[in-house]
PDB file of N, CA and C in Angstrom:
ATOM      1  N   MET A   1       5.615   7.163  -7.693  1.00  0.00           N
ATOM      2  CA  MET A   1       6.990   6.427  -8.752  1.00  0.00           C
ATOM      3  C   MET A   1       6.558   4.824  -8.228  1.00  0.00           C
ATOM      4  N   THR A   2       7.257   4.217  -9.316  1.00  0.00           N
ATOM      5  CA  THR A   2       6.435   2.814  -9.653  1.00  0.00           C
ATOM      6  C   THR A   2       7.755   2.012  -9.809  1.00  0.00           C
ATOM      7  N   GLY A   3       8.055   0.470  -9.787  1.00  0.00           N
ATOM      8  CA  GLY A   3       8.791   0.190  -9.794  1.00  0.00           C
ATOM      9  C   GLY A   3      10.575   0.570  -9.337  1.00  0.00           C
ATOM     10  N   ARG A   4      10.507   1.175  -8.071  1.00  0.00           N
ATOM     11  CA  ARG A   4      10.831   1.052  -6.797  1.00  0.00           C
ATOM     12  C   ARG A   4      11.237   0.266  -5.705  1.00  0.00           C
ATOM     13  N   VAL A   5      12.190  -0.114  -5.345  1.00  0.00           N
ATOM     14  CA  VAL A   5      12.342  -0.878  -4.367  1.00  0.00           C
ATOM     15  C   VAL A   5      12.249  -0.639  -2.945  1.00  0.00           C
ATOM     16  N   ASN A   6      11.203  -1.014  -2.193  1.00  0.00           N
ATOM     17  CA  ASN A   6      11.846  -0.234  -1.014  1.00  0.00           C
ATOM     18  C   ASN A   6      12.404  -0.852   0.192  1.00  0.00           C
ATOM     19  N   HIS A   7      12.805  -0.782   1.328  1.00  0.00           N
ATOM     20  CA  HIS A   7      13.659  -1.034   2.643  1.00  0.00           C
ATOM     21  C   HIS A   7      13.440  -2.849   2.801  1.00  0.00           C
ATOM     22  N   ARG A   8      12.239  -3.396   2.795  1.00  0.00           N
ATOM     23  CA  ARG A   8      11.956  -4.568   2.622  1.00  0.00           C
ATOM     24  C   ARG A   8      12.272  -5.531   1.540  1.00  0.00           C
ATOM     25  N   GLY A   9      12.507  -5.132   0.939  1.00  0.00           N
ATOM     26  CA  GLY A   9      13.076  -5.687  -0.985  1.00  0.00           C
ATOM     27  C   GLY A   9      11.444  -5.569  -1.662  1.00  0.00           C
ATOM     28  N   TRP A  10      10.914  -5.214  -1.315  1.00  0.00           N
ATOM     29  CA  TRP A  10       9.168  -5.710  -2.300  1.00  0.00           C
ATOM     30  C   TRP A  10       9.633  -4.445  -3.176  1.00  0.00           C
ATOM     31  N   ILE A  11       9.050  -4.880  -4.131  1.00  0.00           N
ATOM     32  CA  ILE A  11       8.641  -3.324  -5.517  1.00  0.00           C
ATOM     33  C   ILE A  11       7.945  -2.981  -6.238  1.00  0.00           C
ATOM     34  N   VAL A  12       7.747  -2.157  -5.188  1.00  0.00           N
ATOM     35  CA  VAL A  12       6.587  -0.959  -5.546  1.00  0.00           C
ATOM     36  C   VAL A  12       6.033  -1.035  -6.879  1.00  0.00           C
ATOM     37  N   ALA A  13       4.736  -1.317  -7.144  1.00  0.00           N
ATOM     38  CA  ALA A  13       4.158  -1.192  -8.357  1.00  0.00           C
ATOM     39  C   ALA A  13       3.331   0.385  -8.504  1.00  0.00           C
ATOM     40  N   ASN A  14       3.191   0.250  -7.019  1.00  0.00           N
ATOM     41  CA  ASN A  14       1.657   1.605  -7.199  1.00  0.00           C
ATOM     42  C   ASN A  14       1.465   1.641  -6.068  1.00  0.00           C
ATOM     43  N   SER A  15       1.346   3.010  -5.860  1.00  0.00           N
ATOM     44  CA  SER A  15       0.950   4.011  -4.522  1.00  0.00           C
ATOM     45  C   SER A  15      -0.074   4.495  -4.653  1.00  0.00           C
ATOM     46  N   VAL A  16      -1.220   4.232  -3.672  1.00  0.00           N
ATOM     47  CA  VAL A  16      -2.437   5.704  -3.575  1.00  0.00           C
ATOM     48  C   VAL A  16      -2.355   6.098  -3.111  1.00  0.00           C
ATOM     49  N   ALA A  17      -2.569   7.059  -2.708  1.00  0.00           N
ATOM     50  CA  ALA A  17      -3.190   8.289  -1.839  1.00  0.00           C
ATOM     51  C   ALA A  17      -4.253   8.529  -1.507  1.00  0.00           C
ATOM     52  N   SER A  18      -4.623   8.869   0.142  1.00  0.00           N
ATOM     53  CA  SER A  18      -5.885   9.089   0.364  1.00  0.00           C
ATOM     54  C   SER A  18      -6.351  10.720   0.374  1.00  0.00           C
ATOM     55  N   ALA A  19      -7.513  11.457  -0.042  1.00  0.00           N
ATOM     56  CA  ALA A  19      -7.212  12.546  -0.561  1.00  0.00           C
ATOM     57  C   ALA A  19      -6.921  13.627  -0.041  1.00  0.00           C
ATOM     58  N   ASP A  20      -6.735  13.393   1.253  1.00  0.00           N
ATOM     59  CA  ASP A  20      -6.173  14.267   2.094  1.00  0.00           C
ATOM     60  C   ASP A  20      -4.665  14.069   1.964  1.00  0.00           C
ATOM     61  N   GLY A  21      -3.907  13.167   1.643  1.00  0.00           N
ATOM     62  CA  GLY A  21      -2.688  13.013   1.464  1.00  0.00           C
ATOM     63  C   GLY A  21      -1.996  12.520   2.701  1.00  0.00           C
ATOM     64  N   ALA A  22      -2.766  12.237   3.798  1.00  0.00           N
ATOM     65  CA  ALA A  22      -2.329  11.657   5.065  1.00  0.00           C
ATOM     66  C   ALA A  22      -1.861  10.315   4.975  1.00  0.00           C
ATOM     67  N   TYR A  23      -2.517   9.513   4.404  1.00  0.00           N
ATOM     68  CA  TYR A  23      -2.349   7.530   4.193  1.00  0.00           C
ATOM     69  C   TYR A  23      -2.537   7.877   2.998  1.00  0.00           C
ATOM     70  N   CYS A  24      -1.555   6.369   2.614  1.00  0.00           N
ATOM     71  CA  CYS A  24      -2.101   5.784   1.636  1.00  0.00           C
ATOM     72  C   CYS A  24      -0.884   4.329   1.448  1.00  0.00           C
ATOM     73  N   ILE A  25      -1.547   3.760   0.309  1.00  0.00           N
ATOM     74  CA  ILE A  25      -1.216   1.946   0.404  1.00  0.00           C
ATOM     75  C   ILE A  25      -0.175   2.181  -0.867  1.00  0.00           C
ATOM     76  N   ASP A  26       1.026   1.253  -0.591  1.00  0.00           N
ATOM     77  CA  ASP A  26       1.868   0.928  -1.416  1.00  0.00           C
ATOM     78  C   ASP A  26       1.280  -0.837  -1.924  1.00  0.00           C
ATOM     79  N   PHE A  27       0.502  -1.416  -3.401  1.00  0.00           N
ATOM     80  CA  PHE A  27       0.956  -1.987  -3.868  1.00  0.00           C
ATOM     81  C   PHE A  27       2.750  -2.921  -3.956  1.00  0.00           C
ATOM     82  N   PHE A  28       2.910  -3.824  -3.917  1.00  0.00           N
ATOM     83  CA  PHE A  28       4.109  -4.418  -4.236  1.00  0.00           C
ATOM     84  C   PHE A  28       3.791  -6.134  -5.083  1.00  0.00           C
ATOM     85  N   GLU A  29       4.707  -6.141  -5.669  1.00  0.00           N
ATOM     86  CA  GLU A  29       5.351  -7.791  -5.560  1.00  0.00           C
ATOM     87  C   GLU A  29       6.136  -8.282  -4.835  1.00  0.00           C
ATOM     88  N   HIS A  30       6.450  -9.409  -4.203  1.00  0.00           N
ATOM     89  CA  HIS A  30       7.374  -9.826  -3.008  1.00  0.00           C
ATOM     90  C   HIS A  30       8.163 -10.459  -4.110  1.00  0.00           C
ATOM     91  N   PRO A  31       9.539  -9.977  -4.084  1.00  0.00           N
ATOM     92  CA  PRO A  31      10.795 -10.553  -4.458  1.00  0.00           C
ATOM     93  C   PRO A  31      11.062 -11.825  -5.126  1.00  0.00           C
ATOM     94  N   ASP A  32      10.522 -13.290  -4.032  1.00  0.00           N
ATOM     95  CA  ASP A  32      10.676 -14.235  -4.292  1.00  0.00           C
ATOM     96  C   ASP A  32       9.319 -14.548  -4.459  1.00  0.00           C
ATOM     97  N   GLY A  33       8.304 -13.504  -4.843  1.00  0.00           N
ATOM     98  CA  GLY A  33       7.108 -13.932  -5.876  1.00  0.00           C
ATOM     99  C   GLY A  33       6.115 -13.676  -4.591  1.00  0.00           C
ATOM    100  N   GLY A  34       4.545 -13.487  -5.738  1.00  0.00           N
ATOM    101  CA  GLY A  34       2.926 -12.804  -4.768  1.00  0.00           C
ATOM    102  C   GLY A  34       3.496 -11.596  -4.973  1.00  0.00           C
ATOM    103  N   PHE A  35       1.872 -10.876  -4.520  1.00  0.00           N
ATOM    104  CA  PHE A  35       2.030  -9.464  -4.316  1.00  0.00           C
ATOM    105  C   PHE A  35       1.184  -9.502  -2.872  1.00  0.00           C
ATOM    106  N   GLY A  36       1.427  -8.047  -2.572  1.00  0.00           N
ATOM    107  CA  GLY A  36       0.878  -7.439  -1.426  1.00  0.00           C
ATOM    108  C   GLY A  36       0.626  -6.136  -1.517  1.00  0.00           C
ATOM    109  N   PHE A  37       0.115  -5.642  -0.205  1.00  0.00           N
ATOM    110  CA  PHE A  37       0.210  -4.193  -0.286  1.00  0.00           C
ATOM    111  C   PHE A  37       0.461  -4.208   1.154  1.00  0.00           C
ATOM    112  N   GLU A  38       0.947  -2.959   2.031  1.00  0.00           N
ATOM    113  CA  GLU A  38       0.803  -2.051   3.135  1.00  0.00           C
ATOM    114  C   GLU A  38       0.454  -0.131   3.087  1.00  0.00           C
ATOM    115  N   HIS A  39      -0.663  -0.459   3.940  1.00  0.00           N
ATOM    116  CA  HIS A  39      -0.816   0.889   4.400  1.00  0.00           C
ATOM    117  C   HIS A  39       0.023   1.685   5.016  1.00  0.00           C
ATOM    118  N   PHE A  40       0.030   2.491   5.148  1.00  0.00           N
ATOM    119  CA  PHE A  40       0.976   3.701   5.857  1.00  0.00           C
ATOM    120  C   PHE A  40       0.039   5.348   6.188  1.00  0.00           C
ATOM    121  N   ARG A  41       0.682   5.857   6.876  1.00  0.00           N
ATOM    122  CA  ARG A  41      -0.103   7.016   7.435  1.00  0.00           C
ATOM    123  C   ARG A  41       1.438   7.983   7.469  1.00  0.00           C
ATOM    124  N   SER A  42       1.421   9.460   7.718  1.00  0.00           N
ATOM    125  CA  SER A  42       2.124  10.097   7.338  1.00  0.00           C
ATOM    126  C   SER A  42       1.553  11.317   8.709  1.00  0.00           C
ATOM    127  N   ASP A  43       2.163  11.771   9.926  1.00  0.00           N
ATOM    128  CA  ASP A  43       1.581  12.972  10.426  1.00  0.00           C
ATOM    129  C   ASP A  43       2.718  13.639  10.712  1.00  0.00           C
ATOM    130  N   PRO A  44       2.238  14.948  10.817  1.00  0.00           N
ATOM    131  CA  PRO A  44       2.972  15.868  10.799  1.00  0.00           C
ATOM    132  C   PRO A  44       4.094  15.429  12.334  1.00  0.00           C
ATOM    133  N   GLU A  45       3.872  15.259  13.030  1.00  0.00           N
ATOM    134  CA  GLU A  45       4.629  15.346  14.347  1.00  0.00           C
ATOM    135  C   GLU A  45       5.998  14.342  14.072  1.00  0.00           C
ATOM    136  N   ASP A  46       5.844  13.323  13.387  1.00  0.00           N
ATOM    137  CA  ASP A  46       7.060  12.543  12.354  1.00  0.00           C
ATOM    138  C   ASP A  46       7.574  12.752  11.293  1.00  0.00           C
ATOM    139  N   MET A  47       7.589  14.219  11.519  1.00  0.00           N
ATOM    140  CA  MET A  47       7.985  15.326  10.312  1.00  0.00           C
ATOM    141  C   MET A  47       7.918  14.076   8.835  1.00  0.00           C
ATOM    142  N   GLY A  48       6.312  14.135   8.479  1.00  0.00           N
ATOM    143  CA  GLY A  48       6.377  13.712   6.968  1.00  0.00           C
ATOM    144  C   GLY A  48       6.960  11.747   6.853  1.00  0.00           C
ATOM    145  N   GLN A  49       7.452  11.507   7.912  1.00  0.00           N
ATOM    146  CA  GLN A  49       7.714   9.761   7.967  1.00  0.00           C
ATOM    147  C   GLN A  49       6.351   9.048   7.477  1.00  0.00           C
ATOM    148  N   TRP A  50       6.747   8.379   6.560  1.00  0.00           N
ATOM    149  CA  TRP A  50       5.209   7.272   6.996  1.00  0.00           C
ATOM    150  C   TRP A  50       5.725   6.163   7.743  1.00  0.00           C
ATOM    151  N   THR A  51       4.620   5.748   8.281  1.00  0.00           N
ATOM    152  CA  THR A  51       4.509   4.793   9.019  1.00  0.00           C
ATOM    153  C   THR A  51       3.606   3.602   8.941  1.00  0.00           C
ATOM    154  N   ALA A  52       4.048   2.337   9.131  1.00  0.00           N
ATOM    155  CA  ALA A  52       2.827   1.247   8.626  1.00  0.00           C
ATOM    156  C   ALA A  52       1.892   0.900   9.618  1.00  0.00           C
ATOM    157  N   LEU A  53       0.964   0.943   8.725  1.00  0.00           N
ATOM    158  CA  LEU A  53      -0.524   0.855   9.738  1.00  0.00           C
ATOM    159  C   LEU A  53      -1.179  -0.090   9.842  1.00  0.00           C
ATOM    160  N   GLY A  54      -1.073  -1.407   8.989  1.00  0.00           N
ATOM    161  CA  GLY A  54      -1.612  -2.759   8.471  1.00  0.00           C
ATOM    162  C   GLY A  54      -0.727  -3.755   9.246  1.00  0.00           C
ATOM    163  N   GLY A  55       0.060  -4.031   8.945  1.00  0.00           N
ATOM    164  CA  GLY A  55       0.491  -5.187   9.000  1.00  0.00           C
ATOM    165  C   GLY A  55      -0.456  -6.336   8.124  1.00  0.00           C
ATOM    166  N   SER A  56      -0.020  -5.951   6.890  1.00  0.00           N
ATOM    167  CA  SER A  56      -0.824  -6.542   5.779  1.00  0.00           C
ATOM    168  C   SER A  56       0.404  -6.683   4.937  1.00  0.00           C
ATOM    169  N   GLY A  57       1.715  -6.461   5.394  1.00  0.00           N
ATOM    170  CA  GLY A  57       2.405  -7.134   4.137  1.00  0.00           C
ATOM    171  C   GLY A  57       2.893  -8.425   3.749  1.00  0.00           C
ATOM    172  N   PRO A  58       2.947  -9.108   5.279  1.00  0.00           N
ATOM    173  CA  PRO A  58       3.344 -10.513   5.196  1.00  0.00           C
ATOM    174  C   PRO A  58       2.260 -11.205   4.516  1.00  0.00           C
ATOM    175  N   THR A  59       1.092 -11.056   3.911  1.00  0.00           N
ATOM    176  CA  THR A  59       0.279 -11.604   3.927  1.00  0.00           C
ATOM    177  C   THR A  59       0.108 -11.592   1.565  1.00  0.00           C
ATOM    178  N   ARG A  60       0.403 -12.612   1.504  1.00  0.00           N
ATOM    179  CA  ARG A  60       0.669 -13.089   0.091  1.00  0.00           C
ATOM    180  C   ARG A  60      -0.412 -13.596  -1.212  1.00  0.00           C
ATOM    181  N   TYR A  61      -0.370 -12.426  -2.153  1.00  0.00           N
ATOM    182  CA  TYR A  61      -1.750 -12.938  -3.181  1.00  0.00           C
ATOM    183  C   TYR A  61      -1.175 -13.440  -3.946  1.00  0.00           C
ATOM    184  N   SER A  62      -1.806 -14.507  -4.839  1.00  0.00           N
ATOM    185  CA  SER A  62      -1.187 -14.642  -6.175  1.00  0.00           C
ATOM    186  C   SER A  62      -1.091 -14.030  -7.545  1.00  0.00           C
ATOM    187  N   ASN A  63      -1.989 -12.867  -7.377  1.00  0.00           N
ATOM    188  CA  ASN A  63      -2.092 -11.895  -8.157  1.00  0.00           C
ATOM    189  C   ASN A  63      -2.007 -10.088  -7.871  1.00  0.00           C
ATOM    190  N   MET A  64      -2.031  -9.160  -8.361  1.00  0.00           N
ATOM    191  CA  MET A  64      -2.067  -8.011  -8.586  1.00  0.00           C
ATOM    192  C   MET A  64      -3.756  -7.572  -8.108  1.00  0.00           C
ATOM    193  N   ASP A  65      -4.943  -7.881  -8.735  1.00  0.00           N
ATOM    194  CA  ASP A  65      -5.921  -8.088  -8.666  1.00  0.00           C
ATOM    195  C   ASP A  65      -6.469  -8.104  -7.029  1.00  0.00           C
ATOM    196  N   ASP A  66      -6.143  -9.164  -6.831  1.00  0.00           N
ATOM    197  CA  ASP A  66      -6.014  -9.619  -5.449  1.00  0.00           C
ATOM    198  C   ASP A  66      -5.780  -8.834  -4.103  1.00  0.00           C
ATOM    199  N   ALA A  67      -4.492  -8.796  -4.216  1.00  0.00           N
ATOM    200  CA  ALA A  67      -4.567  -7.868  -3.289  1.00  0.00           C
ATOM    201  C   ALA A  67      -4.538  -6.622  -3.506  1.00  0.00           C
ATOM    202  N   VAL A  68      -5.326  -5.561  -4.633  1.00  0.00           N
ATOM    203  CA  VAL A  68      -5.669  -4.653  -4.449  1.00  0.00           C
ATOM    204  C   VAL A  68      -7.440  -4.739  -3.864  1.00  0.00           C
ATOM    205  N   ARG A  69      -8.357  -6.314  -4.262  1.00  0.00           N
ATOM    206  CA  ARG A  69      -9.486  -6.625  -3.333  1.00  0.00           C
ATOM    207  C   ARG A  69      -8.837  -6.613  -1.850  1.00  0.00           C
ATOM    208  N   GLY A  70      -7.819  -7.096  -1.463  1.00  0.00           N
ATOM    209  CA  GLY A  70      -7.529  -7.105  -0.013  1.00  0.00           C
ATOM    210  C   GLY A  70      -7.606  -5.714   0.653  1.00  0.00           C
ATOM    211  N   ALA A  71      -6.837  -5.379  -0.212  1.00  0.00           N
ATOM    212  CA  ALA A  71      -6.833  -3.472   0.078  1.00  0.00           C
ATOM    213  C   ALA A  71      -8.038  -2.837   0.320  1.00  0.00           C
ATOM    214  N   ALA A  72      -9.429  -3.031  -0.439  1.00  0.00           N
ATOM    215  CA  ALA A  72     -10.571  -2.615  -0.138  1.00  0.00           C
ATOM    216  C   ALA A  72     -11.059  -2.871   0.736  1.00  0.00           C
ATOM    217  N   GLY A  73     -10.889  -4.475   1.088  1.00  0.00           N
ATOM    218  CA  GLY A  73     -11.601  -4.966   2.439  1.00  0.00           C
ATOM    219  C   GLY A  73     -11.450  -4.296   3.625  1.00  0.00           C
ATOM    220  N   GLU A  74     -10.026  -4.065   3.735  1.00  0.00           N
ATOM    221  CA  GLU A  74      -9.248  -3.539   4.659  1.00  0.00           C
ATOM    222  C   GLU A  74      -9.077  -2.159   5.384  1.00  0.00           C
ATOM    223  N   VAL A  75      -9.509  -1.286   4.353  1.00  0.00           N
ATOM    224  CA  VAL A  75      -8.680   0.271   4.075  1.00  0.00           C
ATOM    225  C   VAL A  75      -9.966   0.753   3.546  1.00  0.00           C
ATOM    226  N   ALA A  76     -10.804   1.380   5.159  1.00  0.00           N
ATOM    227  CA  ALA A  76     -12.254   1.715   4.833  1.00  0.00           C
ATOM    228  C   ALA A  76     -11.936   3.047   3.626  1.00  0.00           C
ATOM    229  N   TRP A  77     -10.834   4.161   3.387  1.00  0.00           N
ATOM    230  CA  TRP A  77     -11.133   5.258   2.496  1.00  0.00           C
ATOM    231  C   TRP A  77     -10.727   5.035   1.245  1.00  0.00           C
ATOM    232  N   PHE A  78     -10.004   3.849   0.667  1.00  0.00           N
ATOM    233  CA  PHE A  78      -9.556   3.178  -0.699  1.00  0.00           C
ATOM    234  C   PHE A  78     -11.017   2.214  -1.720  1.00  0.00           C
ATOM    235  N   THR A  79     -10.943   2.774  -2.404  1.00  0.00           N
ATOM    236  CA  THR A  79     -12.204   2.242  -3.144  1.00  0.00           C
ATOM    237  C   THR A  79     -11.669   1.906  -4.571  1.00  0.00           C
ATOM    238  N   PRO A  80     -11.212   1.143  -5.081  1.00  0.00           N
ATOM    239  CA  PRO A  80     -10.391   0.268  -6.313  1.00  0.00           C
ATOM    240  C   PRO A  80     -10.743   1.267  -7.614  1.00  0.00           C
ATOM    241  N   GLY A  81     -10.250   1.702  -7.879  1.00  0.00           N
ATOM    242  CA  GLY A  81     -10.567   2.275  -9.037  1.00  0.00           C
ATOM    243  C   GLY A  81     -11.676   3.938  -9.498  1.00  0.00           C
ATOM    244  N   GLY A  82     -11.542   3.626  -8.038  1.00  0.00           N
ATOM    245  CA  GLY A  82     -12.078   5.266  -7.630  1.00  0.00           C
ATOM    246  C   GLY A  82     -11.060   6.211  -7.070  1.00  0.00           C
ATOM    247  N   PRO A  83     -12.402   7.218  -7.125  1.00  0.00           N
ATOM    248  CA  PRO A  83     -10.855   8.289  -6.236  1.00  0.00           C
ATOM    249  C   PRO A  83     -10.580   7.942  -4.801  1.00  0.00           C
ATOM    250  N   ALA A  84      -9.797   8.422  -4.206  1.00  0.00           N
ATOM    251  CA  ALA A  84      -9.560   8.356  -2.446  1.00  0.00           C
ATOM    252  C   ALA A  84     -10.720   9.195  -2.236  1.00  0.00           C
ATOM    253  N   VAL A  85     -11.356   8.912  -0.783  1.00  0.00           N
ATOM    254  CA  VAL A  85     -12.053   9.776  -0.154  1.00  0.00           C
ATOM    255  C   VAL A  85     -11.391  10.055   1.073  1.00  0.00           C
TER     256      VAL A  85
END
């Protein structure tokens, strides 16, 4: 789902899940400008809750393409424009 506002006030533009569904990356726009991403995991013992992994949320990029490149450099399973691994 895109365009949703998460609990931090970020406007989520896209969410990309890993092939096994255990991880995802939310790409978002900060409400006061700039773009970013956050890496999450979902574990059965957490009853499906998503837990932030990266600490990348506070990093601001000037555009979404830079945020996608940033995620590709930090998240091993993520390949922009390709299938999740």
